[in-house]
Structure formats: structure tokens, C-alpha cells
């Protein structure tokens, strides 16, 4: 009988270990206030901190329409719609992992608005006002992207032109969605510092804290299956872009300390459609816009004008 108790305790401890890994990696967390102390410590954006905070504050003053949809699996998804001009092309923006669209998109927002684009900034599932308890690194988010596109076509008409744009996990989301045959309304994808796959980015982070990659990733994958109801191995940005004919602009900072720079090159090499690439020297994670605003804006403008004309 004692062996049964020992076995049960061992199983319980193993499940608790998996639960801890799941919470640390995949679970929705309470939103953090985007103040200077947190951002400087956690996000490592000290050179651009003042301007980022100014843009976030300015962005918060903008008027918007709050919109809601139901995703493919019944999850409530929320977003903010900002209209510049009726009938204008629509940019749908997706933010990054445990981040928000005001943090990741408030810089480029002003340029898009000034150029007359309508913008839909979405809360990714398990972030902000959207429902869900599990962050799936693009596995389920890519289908959320299709749901937002369907919403745009239904609301703005079958001729609406859509540009998908994402930063970090948001970039991977839109890249992965490209392999799901989105409607022809999608004229282009702008992916800023996206990772190749959930497996590779999780292993990269495991390696950064000097733990055995394959072992810990196997545990993380198992925790995702048991507690999150998904398999991180089910999505891959490189595979997706190898199947699509949607034009893609890939942007990546050369000093990215979260998503390794080589991932951008792997995505670029896998892409079979018309593509453009911007490599930004000295830019950290999601900081390419702030590191070289002029070049960033020029290439985004060129890409959008080419594919939305």
C-alpha cells in the first residue's frame, strides 16, 4: 500500500510541476500598468522609454469604437476601431506576448492615421478585454486573425482592402494565418520581430536561462496539452509563408534580445511570395520603429502603397 501512496504523491508532484510551467509560460496574467519603472526594467527599452510612454499616453486620448466578435472556438475577442476615412483600407494590428496594442503599436499608429488608413487594434486572446485563459503563441491566435478578417469583410464590404500587421507574437500570428488561405481582401502582411514557431521561441527562452532545452520544452508542451488544450507544435510561420502568395514585409532589430535575429532570416528564406525585408541595426525587441523611424516609415509606406494601390 505504501508504494501506491508514493506513486500518487509522485504523480501529484509531477502534475504540480506541469501546472507551474503552464502558468509561467501560457496562462493569462493580470495586466501590468505600463509605467516607466516596469518598462525600463522588464522591456529593456531605456533609450526610447520617454518617447514610448509619450506615445502610449497620447494614444490613450484617441477616440475609438469598441468592437467585439466571437472567434472560431467561441472565445470572445475585443478590439478598438479607429476610423480615419470611410472606405479607406483597413490595417488590423496584433500585439505581442503578454503585451498590449498601445505598447506595441502606438508609435506607428500616428503615421497610419495621418495617411488615411482605418485601424483595428485587437486584444489578442487571453490579453486585455478579450476572453480566454491560455496564450497559444499563434496556434489558436492565427484562427482569431481569420475571424477578424471575416468581421472586416462583413462590416466594410467585400471590396475592403486589408493589411495585416503584427509585432512579436502578433507578427507570428499574422504570418501563421497566411497559410490558412485568408480571403483575397488581405493585400499584404507586415511582420515586425516575429518568431518562427512556438517550439523554437520557447526553446530559445529555456536556453537563455541555461536549462536543458529539449527536456524542459517536452514538459512545457505536455503542460500546454493538459492544461491549455493545444499543442505548441501545431503552428509554424516558416511553413505558413512557404504556402502563401500574400506579399510580406519582414522587419527585425539586429539587437533583439527576445526573438533571435536569425528567425527573421529563416522566415524570409521560407517565404515564396513577393517579399521585402528591413533589418534595423541596434534595435532591440519591438524597437525598430523607434530606433530608425525614418527608414521604418519609408519601407512600410512603400510596401503599403505597392500592395494597396
C-alpha atoms as a PDB file:
ATOM      1  CA  UNK A   1       0.000   0.000   0.000  1.00  0.00           C
ATOM      2  CA  UNK A   2       2.836   2.414   0.777  1.00  0.00           C
ATOM      3  CA  UNK A   3       4.048   2.112  -2.796  1.00  0.00           C
ATOM      4  CA  UNK A   4       0.644   3.254  -4.040  1.00  0.00           C
ATOM      5  CA  UNK A   5       0.833   6.346  -1.841  1.00  0.00           C
ATOM      6  CA  UNK A   6       4.362   7.072  -3.026  1.00  0.00           C
ATOM      7  CA  UNK A   7       3.227   6.723  -6.638  1.00  0.00           C
ATOM      8  CA  UNK A   8       0.225   9.001  -6.091  1.00  0.00           C
ATOM      9  CA  UNK A   9       2.414  11.630  -4.442  1.00  0.00           C
ATOM     10  CA  UNK A  10       4.913  11.401  -7.295  1.00  0.00           C
ATOM     11  CA  UNK A  11       2.137  11.839  -9.856  1.00  0.00           C
ATOM     12  CA  UNK A  12       0.706  14.779  -7.919  1.00  0.00           C
ATOM     13  CA  UNK A  13       4.092  16.476  -7.705  1.00  0.00           C
ATOM     14  CA  UNK A  14       4.640  15.929 -11.424  1.00  0.00           C
ATOM     15  CA  UNK A  15       1.262  17.458 -12.238  1.00  0.00           C
ATOM     16  CA  UNK A  16       2.039  20.406  -9.969  1.00  0.00           C
ATOM     17  CA  UNK A  17       5.314  20.868 -11.834  1.00  0.00           C
ATOM     18  CA  UNK A  18       3.466  20.866 -15.148  1.00  0.00           C
ATOM     19  CA  UNK A  19       0.890  23.298 -13.789  1.00  0.00           C
ATOM     20  CA  UNK A  20       3.658  25.641 -12.689  1.00  0.00           C
ATOM     21  CA  UNK A  21       5.255  25.510 -16.131  1.00  0.00           C
ATOM     22  CA  UNK A  22       1.865  26.141 -17.756  1.00  0.00           C
ATOM     23  CA  UNK A  23       1.147  29.166 -15.568  1.00  0.00           C
ATOM     24  CA  UNK A  24       4.618  30.586 -16.126  1.00  0.00           C
ATOM     25  CA  UNK A  25       4.509  30.139 -19.909  1.00  0.00           C
ATOM     26  CA  UNK A  26       0.955  30.016 -21.215  1.00  0.00           C
ATOM     27  CA  UNK A  27      -1.550  31.325 -18.675  1.00  0.00           C
ATOM     28  CA  UNK A  28      -3.251  34.703 -18.883  1.00  0.00           C
ATOM     29  CA  UNK A  29      -1.828  37.074 -16.290  1.00  0.00           C
ATOM     30  CA  UNK A  30      -3.131  40.224 -14.716  1.00  0.00           C
ATOM     31  CA  UNK A  31      -2.285  43.205 -16.940  1.00  0.00           C
ATOM     32  CA  UNK A  32       0.648  45.254 -15.725  1.00  0.00           C
ATOM     33  CA  UNK A  33       0.490  49.010 -15.656  1.00  0.00           C
ATOM     34  CA  UNK A  34       2.669  50.391 -18.423  1.00  0.00           C
ATOM     35  CA  UNK A  35       4.675  52.743 -16.240  1.00  0.00           C
ATOM     36  CA  UNK A  36       8.253  53.791 -16.747  1.00  0.00           C
ATOM     37  CA  UNK A  37       9.743  51.677 -13.949  1.00  0.00           C
ATOM     38  CA  UNK A  38       8.203  48.441 -15.223  1.00  0.00           C
ATOM     39  CA  UNK A  39       9.006  49.069 -18.861  1.00  0.00           C
ATOM     40  CA  UNK A  40      12.588  50.085 -18.212  1.00  0.00           C
ATOM     41  CA  UNK A  41      13.250  47.039 -16.043  1.00  0.00           C
ATOM     42  CA  UNK A  42      11.349  44.376 -17.926  1.00  0.00           C
ATOM     43  CA  UNK A  43      11.208  45.505 -21.520  1.00  0.00           C
ATOM     44  CA  UNK A  44      14.742  46.910 -21.835  1.00  0.00           C
ATOM     45  CA  UNK A  45      13.774  49.952 -23.880  1.00  0.00           C
ATOM     46  CA  UNK A  46      15.638  52.588 -21.898  1.00  0.00           C
ATOM     47  CA  UNK A  47      16.964  54.549 -24.924  1.00  0.00           C
ATOM     48  CA  UNK A  48      13.400  55.112 -26.174  1.00  0.00           C
ATOM     49  CA  UNK A  49      11.464  54.977 -22.912  1.00  0.00           C
ATOM     50  CA  UNK A  50      10.356  58.618 -22.798  1.00  0.00           C
ATOM     51  CA  UNK A  51       9.011  58.617 -26.339  1.00  0.00           C
ATOM     52  CA  UNK A  52       7.275  55.252 -25.891  1.00  0.00           C
ATOM     53  CA  UNK A  53       5.486  56.495 -22.782  1.00  0.00           C
ATOM     54  CA  UNK A  54       4.533  59.743 -24.512  1.00  0.00           C
ATOM     55  CA  UNK A  55       3.038  57.806 -27.428  1.00  0.00           C
ATOM     56  CA  UNK A  56       1.120  55.495 -25.091  1.00  0.00           C
ATOM     57  CA  UNK A  57      -0.361  58.486 -23.256  1.00  0.00           C
ATOM     58  CA  UNK A  58      -1.215  60.281 -26.490  1.00  0.00           C
ATOM     59  CA  UNK A  59      -2.764  57.116 -27.873  1.00  0.00           C
ATOM     60  CA  UNK A  60      -4.981  56.779 -24.792  1.00  0.00           C
ATOM     61  CA  UNK A  61      -6.572  60.146 -25.640  1.00  0.00           C
ATOM     62  CA  UNK A  62      -7.811  58.985 -29.059  1.00  0.00           C
ATOM     63  CA  UNK A  63     -11.498  58.269 -29.560  1.00  0.00           C
ATOM     64  CA  UNK A  64     -12.466  54.819 -30.769  1.00  0.00           C
ATOM     65  CA  UNK A  65     -15.291  52.369 -31.188  1.00  0.00           C
ATOM     66  CA  UNK A  66     -15.047  49.227 -29.098  1.00  0.00           C
ATOM     67  CA  UNK A  67     -15.916  46.142 -31.122  1.00  0.00           C
ATOM     68  CA  UNK A  68     -16.462  42.506 -30.197  1.00  0.00           C
ATOM     69  CA  UNK A  69     -16.591  39.275 -32.153  1.00  0.00           C
ATOM     70  CA  UNK A  70     -16.740  35.566 -31.377  1.00  0.00           C
ATOM     71  CA  UNK A  71     -13.793  33.549 -32.606  1.00  0.00           C
ATOM     72  CA  UNK A  72     -13.750  30.109 -34.217  1.00  0.00           C
ATOM     73  CA  UNK A  73     -13.845  28.307 -30.860  1.00  0.00           C
ATOM     74  CA  UNK A  74     -16.380  30.568 -29.147  1.00  0.00           C
ATOM     75  CA  UNK A  75     -13.846  32.858 -27.450  1.00  0.00           C
ATOM     76  CA  UNK A  76     -14.900  36.487 -27.067  1.00  0.00           C
ATOM     77  CA  UNK A  77     -12.456  38.787 -28.846  1.00  0.00           C
ATOM     78  CA  UNK A  78     -12.358  42.554 -28.389  1.00  0.00           C
ATOM     79  CA  UNK A  79     -10.703  45.422 -30.198  1.00  0.00           C
ATOM     80  CA  UNK A  80     -10.677  49.175 -30.760  1.00  0.00           C
ATOM     81  CA  UNK A  81     -11.612  50.584 -34.155  1.00  0.00           C
ATOM     82  CA  UNK A  82     -10.187  53.952 -35.230  1.00  0.00           C
ATOM     83  CA  UNK A  83     -11.677  55.431 -38.394  1.00  0.00           C
ATOM     84  CA  UNK A  84      -9.802  57.959 -40.490  1.00  0.00           C
ATOM     85  CA  UNK A  85     -11.949  57.873 -43.592  1.00  0.00           C
ATOM     86  CA  UNK A  86     -14.957  55.757 -44.620  1.00  0.00           C
ATOM     87  CA  UNK A  87     -13.989  53.226 -47.279  1.00  0.00           C
ATOM     88  CA  UNK A  88     -10.242  53.514 -46.653  1.00  0.00           C
ATOM     89  CA  UNK A  89      -8.030  50.402 -46.434  1.00  0.00           C
ATOM     90  CA  UNK A  90      -8.080  48.735 -43.036  1.00  0.00           C
ATOM     91  CA  UNK A  91      -4.993  47.833 -41.003  1.00  0.00           C
ATOM     92  CA  UNK A  92      -5.645  45.061 -38.458  1.00  0.00           C
ATOM     93  CA  UNK A  93      -2.953  45.164 -35.778  1.00  0.00           C
ATOM     94  CA  UNK A  94      -1.931  42.314 -33.452  1.00  0.00           C
ATOM     95  CA  UNK A  95       0.248  42.905 -30.381  1.00  0.00           C
ATOM     96  CA  UNK A  96       2.797  40.642 -28.752  1.00  0.00           C
ATOM     97  CA  UNK A  97       3.071  38.111 -25.932  1.00  0.00           C
ATOM     98  CA  UNK A  98       1.754  39.439 -22.612  1.00  0.00           C
ATOM     99  CA  UNK A  99       1.795  42.917 -24.104  1.00  0.00           C
ATOM    100  CA  UNK A 100      -0.858  45.278 -25.486  1.00  0.00           C
ATOM    101  CA  UNK A 101      -1.567  47.213 -28.647  1.00  0.00           C
ATOM    102  CA  UNK A 102      -0.882  50.574 -27.010  1.00  0.00           C
ATOM    103  CA  UNK A 103       2.591  49.377 -26.026  1.00  0.00           C
ATOM    104  CA  UNK A 104       3.405  47.694 -29.345  1.00  0.00           C
ATOM    105  CA  UNK A 105       1.505  49.794 -31.843  1.00  0.00           C
ATOM    106  CA  UNK A 106       1.088  53.329 -30.550  1.00  0.00           C
ATOM    107  CA  UNK A 107       4.210  54.582 -32.341  1.00  0.00           C
ATOM    108  CA  UNK A 108       3.287  53.627 -35.886  1.00  0.00           C
ATOM    109  CA  UNK A 109      -0.397  54.319 -35.215  1.00  0.00           C
ATOM    110  CA  UNK A 110       0.007  58.056 -35.789  1.00  0.00           C
ATOM    111  CA  UNK A 111       1.682  57.609 -39.132  1.00  0.00           C
ATOM    112  CA  UNK A 112      -1.025  55.216 -40.340  1.00  0.00           C
ATOM    113  CA  UNK A 113      -3.776  57.594 -39.255  1.00  0.00           C
ATOM    114  CA  UNK A 114      -2.096  60.566 -40.920  1.00  0.00           C
ATOM    115  CA  UNK A 115      -2.001  58.592 -44.167  1.00  0.00           C
ATOM    116  CA  UNK A 116      -5.739  57.964 -44.061  1.00  0.00           C
ATOM    117  CA  UNK A 117      -5.866  54.297 -43.050  1.00  0.00           C
ATOM    118  CA  UNK A 118      -8.559  52.902 -40.815  1.00  0.00           C
ATOM    119  CA  UNK A 119      -7.135  50.837 -37.972  1.00  0.00           C
ATOM    120  CA  UNK A 120      -8.444  47.949 -35.914  1.00  0.00           C
ATOM    121  CA  UNK A 121      -6.265  47.296 -32.865  1.00  0.00           C
ATOM    122  CA  UNK A 122      -7.189  43.919 -31.390  1.00  0.00           C
ATOM    123  CA  UNK A 123      -6.708  42.445 -27.954  1.00  0.00           C
ATOM    124  CA  UNK A 124      -5.218  39.023 -28.584  1.00  0.00           C
ATOM    125  CA  UNK A 125      -6.983  36.154 -26.826  1.00  0.00           C
ATOM    126  CA  UNK A 126      -6.070  35.925 -23.137  1.00  0.00           C
ATOM    127  CA  UNK A 127      -4.987  39.572 -23.211  1.00  0.00           C
ATOM    128  CA  UNK A 128      -6.745  42.800 -22.340  1.00  0.00           C
ATOM    129  CA  UNK A 129     -10.512  42.668 -22.728  1.00  0.00           C
ATOM    130  CA  UNK A 130     -10.559  39.509 -24.863  1.00  0.00           C
ATOM    131  CA  UNK A 131     -11.571  36.193 -23.401  1.00  0.00           C
ATOM    132  CA  UNK A 132      -9.530  33.057 -22.992  1.00  0.00           C
ATOM    133  CA  UNK A 133      -7.183  31.805 -20.311  1.00  0.00           C
ATOM    134  CA  UNK A 134      -4.363  30.392 -22.433  1.00  0.00           C
ATOM    135  CA  UNK A 135      -1.816  32.104 -24.681  1.00  0.00           C
ATOM    136  CA  UNK A 136      -1.036  29.697 -27.530  1.00  0.00           C
ATOM    137  CA  UNK A 137       1.828  31.500 -29.294  1.00  0.00           C
ATOM    138  CA  UNK A 138      -0.112  31.745 -32.550  1.00  0.00           C
ATOM    139  CA  UNK A 139      -1.612  28.255 -32.676  1.00  0.00           C
ATOM    140  CA  UNK A 140      -5.159  29.457 -31.949  1.00  0.00           C
ATOM    141  CA  UNK A 141      -4.476  33.153 -32.500  1.00  0.00           C
ATOM    142  CA  UNK A 142      -3.969  32.555 -36.244  1.00  0.00           C
ATOM    143  CA  UNK A 143      -7.610  31.457 -36.473  1.00  0.00           C
ATOM    144  CA  UNK A 144      -8.631  34.519 -34.451  1.00  0.00           C
ATOM    145  CA  UNK A 145      -6.936  36.526 -37.199  1.00  0.00           C
ATOM    146  CA  UNK A 146      -9.220  34.923 -39.786  1.00  0.00           C
ATOM    147  CA  UNK A 147     -12.222  35.754 -37.603  1.00  0.00           C
ATOM    148  CA  UNK A 148     -11.199  39.417 -37.530  1.00  0.00           C
ATOM    149  CA  UNK A 149     -10.776  39.439 -41.309  1.00  0.00           C
ATOM    150  CA  UNK A 150     -14.260  37.942 -41.723  1.00  0.00           C
ATOM    151  CA  UNK A 151     -15.607  40.657 -39.435  1.00  0.00           C
ATOM    152  CA  UNK A 152     -13.945  43.345 -41.537  1.00  0.00           C
ATOM    153  CA  UNK A 153     -15.380  41.990 -44.789  1.00  0.00           C
ATOM    154  CA  UNK A 154     -18.849  41.653 -43.289  1.00  0.00           C
ATOM    155  CA  UNK A 155     -18.785  45.169 -41.844  1.00  0.00           C
ATOM    156  CA  UNK A 156     -16.983  47.136 -44.543  1.00  0.00           C
ATOM    157  CA  UNK A 157     -17.963  45.187 -47.633  1.00  0.00           C
ATOM    158  CA  UNK A 158     -16.480  42.561 -49.884  1.00  0.00           C
ATOM    159  CA  UNK A 159     -14.192  45.097 -51.565  1.00  0.00           C
ATOM    160  CA  UNK A 160     -12.437  46.282 -48.412  1.00  0.00           C
ATOM    161  CA  UNK A 161      -8.659  46.101 -48.620  1.00  0.00           C
ATOM    162  CA  UNK A 162      -6.983  44.689 -45.532  1.00  0.00           C
ATOM    163  CA  UNK A 163      -3.387  44.921 -44.371  1.00  0.00           C
ATOM    164  CA  UNK A 164      -2.378  42.621 -41.508  1.00  0.00           C
ATOM    165  CA  UNK A 165       0.267  43.946 -39.139  1.00  0.00           C
ATOM    166  CA  UNK A 166       1.797  42.438 -36.025  1.00  0.00           C
ATOM    167  CA  UNK A 167       4.634  42.848 -33.559  1.00  0.00           C
ATOM    168  CA  UNK A 168       6.419  39.941 -31.819  1.00  0.00           C
ATOM    169  CA  UNK A 169       3.841  37.185 -31.194  1.00  0.00           C
ATOM    170  CA  UNK A 170       1.427  39.335 -33.185  1.00  0.00           C
ATOM    171  CA  UNK A 171       3.814  39.155 -36.139  1.00  0.00           C
ATOM    172  CA  UNK A 172       3.943  35.370 -35.833  1.00  0.00           C
ATOM    173  CA  UNK A 173       0.145  35.309 -35.593  1.00  0.00           C
ATOM    174  CA  UNK A 174      -0.352  37.074 -38.925  1.00  0.00           C
ATOM    175  CA  UNK A 175       2.416  35.075 -40.603  1.00  0.00           C
ATOM    176  CA  UNK A 176       0.895  31.799 -39.437  1.00  0.00           C
ATOM    177  CA  UNK A 177      -2.542  32.975 -40.589  1.00  0.00           C
ATOM    178  CA  UNK A 178      -1.150  33.467 -44.089  1.00  0.00           C
ATOM    179  CA  UNK A 179      -1.011  29.695 -44.500  1.00  0.00           C
ATOM    180  CA  UNK A 180      -4.746  29.292 -43.817  1.00  0.00           C
ATOM    181  CA  UNK A 181      -5.939  30.731 -47.145  1.00  0.00           C
ATOM    182  CA  UNK A 182      -7.302  34.041 -45.843  1.00  0.00           C
ATOM    183  CA  UNK A 183      -9.726  35.989 -48.069  1.00  0.00           C
ATOM    184  CA  UNK A 184      -8.354  37.874 -51.065  1.00  0.00           C
ATOM    185  CA  UNK A 185      -9.129  41.090 -49.208  1.00  0.00           C
ATOM    186  CA  UNK A 186      -5.774  40.640 -47.446  1.00  0.00           C
ATOM    187  CA  UNK A 187      -3.337  42.539 -49.654  1.00  0.00           C
ATOM    188  CA  UNK A 188      -0.241  42.291 -47.506  1.00  0.00           C
ATOM    189  CA  UNK A 189       1.327  41.358 -44.189  1.00  0.00           C
ATOM    190  CA  UNK A 190       3.764  43.428 -42.117  1.00  0.00           C
ATOM    191  CA  UNK A 191       5.552  41.292 -39.526  1.00  0.00           C
ATOM    192  CA  UNK A 192       7.820  43.059 -37.027  1.00  0.00           C
ATOM    193  CA  UNK A 193      10.145  40.803 -34.958  1.00  0.00           C
ATOM    194  CA  UNK A 194       8.105  37.622 -35.240  1.00  0.00           C
ATOM    195  CA  UNK A 195       9.336  34.182 -34.211  1.00  0.00           C
ATOM    196  CA  UNK A 196       9.378  31.104 -36.420  1.00  0.00           C
ATOM    197  CA  UNK A 197       7.406  28.738 -34.191  1.00  0.00           C
ATOM    198  CA  UNK A 198       6.229  28.289 -30.605  1.00  0.00           C
ATOM    199  CA  UNK A 199       8.687  25.432 -30.188  1.00  0.00           C
ATOM    200  CA  UNK A 200      11.714  27.439 -31.270  1.00  0.00           C
ATOM    201  CA  UNK A 201      10.944  30.587 -29.283  1.00  0.00           C
ATOM    202  CA  UNK A 202      10.184  28.617 -26.124  1.00  0.00           C
ATOM    203  CA  UNK A 203      13.379  26.607 -26.524  1.00  0.00           C
ATOM    204  CA  UNK A 204      15.274  29.843 -27.097  1.00  0.00           C
ATOM    205  CA  UNK A 205      13.997  31.241 -23.811  1.00  0.00           C
ATOM    206  CA  UNK A 206      14.756  27.988 -21.997  1.00  0.00           C
ATOM    207  CA  UNK A 207      18.316  28.153 -23.289  1.00  0.00           C
ATOM    208  CA  UNK A 208      18.600  31.772 -22.143  1.00  0.00           C
ATOM    209  CA  UNK A 209      18.145  30.647 -18.531  1.00  0.00           C
ATOM    210  CA  UNK A 210      20.581  27.749 -19.007  1.00  0.00           C
ATOM    211  CA  UNK A 211      18.169  24.851 -18.672  1.00  0.00           C
ATOM    212  CA  UNK A 212      18.131  21.730 -20.885  1.00  0.00           C
ATOM    213  CA  UNK A 213      16.081  22.807 -23.892  1.00  0.00           C
ATOM    214  CA  UNK A 214      14.625  19.523 -25.077  1.00  0.00           C
ATOM    215  CA  UNK A 215      13.670  18.225 -21.638  1.00  0.00           C
ATOM    216  CA  UNK A 216      12.059  21.423 -20.403  1.00  0.00           C
ATOM    217  CA  UNK A 217      10.307  22.015 -23.722  1.00  0.00           C
ATOM    218  CA  UNK A 218       8.847  18.495 -23.576  1.00  0.00           C
ATOM    219  CA  UNK A 219       7.422  19.335 -20.165  1.00  0.00           C
ATOM    220  CA  UNK A 220       6.112  22.698 -21.426  1.00  0.00           C
ATOM    221  CA  UNK A 221       4.485  21.035 -24.416  1.00  0.00           C
ATOM    222  CA  UNK A 222       2.841  18.449 -22.173  1.00  0.00           C
ATOM    223  CA  UNK A 223       1.583  21.190 -19.842  1.00  0.00           C
ATOM    224  CA  UNK A 224       0.088  23.025 -22.817  1.00  0.00           C
ATOM    225  CA  UNK A 225      -1.751  19.894 -23.913  1.00  0.00           C
ATOM    226  CA  UNK A 226      -3.071  19.040 -20.442  1.00  0.00           C
ATOM    227  CA  UNK A 227      -3.969  22.480 -19.098  1.00  0.00           C
ATOM    228  CA  UNK A 228      -4.227  24.596 -22.264  1.00  0.00           C
ATOM    229  CA  UNK A 229      -5.845  22.202 -24.712  1.00  0.00           C
ATOM    230  CA  UNK A 230      -3.392  22.823 -27.548  1.00  0.00           C
ATOM    231  CA  UNK A 231      -0.119  21.555 -28.990  1.00  0.00           C
ATOM    232  CA  UNK A 232       2.622  24.190 -29.491  1.00  0.00           C
ATOM    233  CA  UNK A 233       3.974  22.091 -32.376  1.00  0.00           C
ATOM    234  CA  UNK A 234       0.840  22.689 -34.443  1.00  0.00           C
ATOM    235  CA  UNK A 235       1.919  26.024 -35.972  1.00  0.00           C
ATOM    236  CA  UNK A 236       4.986  27.222 -37.832  1.00  0.00           C
ATOM    237  CA  UNK A 237       5.459  30.607 -39.514  1.00  0.00           C
ATOM    238  CA  UNK A 238       8.055  29.289 -41.958  1.00  0.00           C
ATOM    239  CA  UNK A 239       5.716  26.580 -43.177  1.00  0.00           C
ATOM    240  CA  UNK A 240       2.861  29.067 -43.491  1.00  0.00           C
ATOM    241  CA  UNK A 241       4.750  31.634 -45.581  1.00  0.00           C
ATOM    242  CA  UNK A 242       6.008  28.892 -47.875  1.00  0.00           C
ATOM    243  CA  UNK A 243       2.401  28.303 -48.947  1.00  0.00           C
ATOM    244  CA  UNK A 244       1.027  31.816 -49.365  1.00  0.00           C
ATOM    245  CA  UNK A 245       1.038  34.261 -52.258  1.00  0.00           C
ATOM    246  CA  UNK A 246       0.330  37.260 -49.998  1.00  0.00           C
ATOM    247  CA  UNK A 247       3.118  39.891 -50.145  1.00  0.00           C
ATOM    248  CA  UNK A 248       5.065  40.067 -46.877  1.00  0.00           C
ATOM    249  CA  UNK A 249       7.261  42.704 -45.260  1.00  0.00           C
ATOM    250  CA  UNK A 250       9.535  41.330 -42.544  1.00  0.00           C
ATOM    251  CA  UNK A 251      11.150  43.721 -40.048  1.00  0.00           C
ATOM    252  CA  UNK A 252      13.616  42.777 -37.327  1.00  0.00           C
ATOM    253  CA  UNK A 253      16.001  44.538 -34.987  1.00  0.00           C
ATOM    254  CA  UNK A 254      19.551  43.242 -35.100  1.00  0.00           C
ATOM    255  CA  UNK A 255      19.940  43.537 -31.311  1.00  0.00           C
ATOM    256  CA  UNK A 256      16.696  41.765 -30.435  1.00  0.00           C
ATOM    257  CA  UNK A 257      17.224  40.093 -27.063  1.00  0.00           C
ATOM    258  CA  UNK A 258      13.977  38.122 -27.092  1.00  0.00           C
ATOM    259  CA  UNK A 259      13.265  36.871 -30.616  1.00  0.00           C
ATOM    260  CA  UNK A 260      16.625  35.945 -32.159  1.00  0.00           C
ATOM    261  CA  UNK A 261      17.511  37.765 -35.362  1.00  0.00           C
ATOM    262  CA  UNK A 262      18.181  34.516 -37.225  1.00  0.00           C
ATOM    263  CA  UNK A 263      14.463  33.725 -37.043  1.00  0.00           C
ATOM    264  CA  UNK A 264      13.698  36.642 -39.347  1.00  0.00           C
ATOM    265  CA  UNK A 265      16.160  35.245 -41.887  1.00  0.00           C
ATOM    266  CA  UNK A 266      14.575  31.798 -41.659  1.00  0.00           C
ATOM    267  CA  UNK A 267      11.122  33.248 -42.285  1.00  0.00           C
ATOM    268  CA  UNK A 268      12.449  35.360 -45.144  1.00  0.00           C
ATOM    269  CA  UNK A 269      14.145  32.364 -46.785  1.00  0.00           C
ATOM    270  CA  UNK A 270      10.963  30.289 -46.443  1.00  0.00           C
ATOM    271  CA  UNK A 271       8.700  32.938 -47.944  1.00  0.00           C
ATOM    272  CA  UNK A 272       7.718  32.177 -51.549  1.00  0.00           C
ATOM    273  CA  UNK A 273       5.595  35.262 -52.179  1.00  0.00           C
ATOM    274  CA  UNK A 274       6.674  38.808 -53.014  1.00  0.00           C
ATOM    275  CA  UNK A 275       8.701  39.961 -50.005  1.00  0.00           C
ATOM    276  CA  UNK A 276      10.605  42.872 -48.530  1.00  0.00           C
ATOM    277  CA  UNK A 277      12.992  42.907 -45.578  1.00  0.00           C
ATOM    278  CA  UNK A 278      14.113  45.614 -43.186  1.00  0.00           C
ATOM    279  CA  UNK A 279      16.998  44.878 -40.836  1.00  0.00           C
ATOM    280  CA  UNK A 280      17.497  47.586 -38.202  1.00  0.00           C
ATOM    281  CA  UNK A 281      20.983  47.857 -36.639  1.00  0.00           C
ATOM    282  CA  UNK A 282      20.969  48.494 -32.904  1.00  0.00           C
ATOM    283  CA  UNK A 283      17.243  47.870 -32.452  1.00  0.00           C
ATOM    284  CA  UNK A 284      16.085  45.776 -29.510  1.00  0.00           C
ATOM    285  CA  UNK A 285      12.911  43.740 -29.383  1.00  0.00           C
ATOM    286  CA  UNK A 286       9.957  45.630 -30.910  1.00  0.00           C
ATOM    287  CA  UNK A 287      12.060  48.803 -31.022  1.00  0.00           C
ATOM    288  CA  UNK A 288      12.806  49.040 -34.755  1.00  0.00           C
ATOM    289  CA  UNK A 289      10.289  51.858 -35.229  1.00  0.00           C
ATOM    290  CA  UNK A 290      11.911  53.940 -32.504  1.00  0.00           C
ATOM    291  CA  UNK A 291      15.487  53.046 -33.468  1.00  0.00           C
ATOM    292  CA  UNK A 292      15.171  54.201 -37.091  1.00  0.00           C
ATOM    293  CA  UNK A 293      11.793  55.826 -37.562  1.00  0.00           C
ATOM    294  CA  UNK A 294      12.550  57.357 -40.961  1.00  0.00           C
ATOM    295  CA  UNK A 295      13.664  54.118 -42.603  1.00  0.00           C
ATOM    296  CA  UNK A 296      10.881  52.168 -40.906  1.00  0.00           C
ATOM    297  CA  UNK A 297       8.205  54.536 -42.170  1.00  0.00           C
ATOM    298  CA  UNK A 298       9.676  54.690 -45.664  1.00  0.00           C
ATOM    299  CA  UNK A 299       9.656  50.929 -46.183  1.00  0.00           C
ATOM    300  CA  UNK A 300       6.196  50.491 -44.629  1.00  0.00           C
ATOM    301  CA  UNK A 301       4.854  53.260 -46.882  1.00  0.00           C
ATOM    302  CA  UNK A 302       6.450  51.726 -49.966  1.00  0.00           C
ATOM    303  CA  UNK A 303       5.088  48.280 -49.130  1.00  0.00           C
ATOM    304  CA  UNK A 304       1.563  49.512 -48.412  1.00  0.00           C
ATOM    305  CA  UNK A 305       1.369  51.790 -51.440  1.00  0.00           C
ATOM    306  CA  UNK A 306       2.574  48.997 -53.695  1.00  0.00           C
ATOM    307  CA  UNK A 307       0.070  46.450 -52.450  1.00  0.00           C
ATOM    308  CA  UNK A 308      -2.960  48.631 -51.644  1.00  0.00           C
ATOM    309  CA  UNK A 309      -2.943  50.708 -54.829  1.00  0.00           C
END
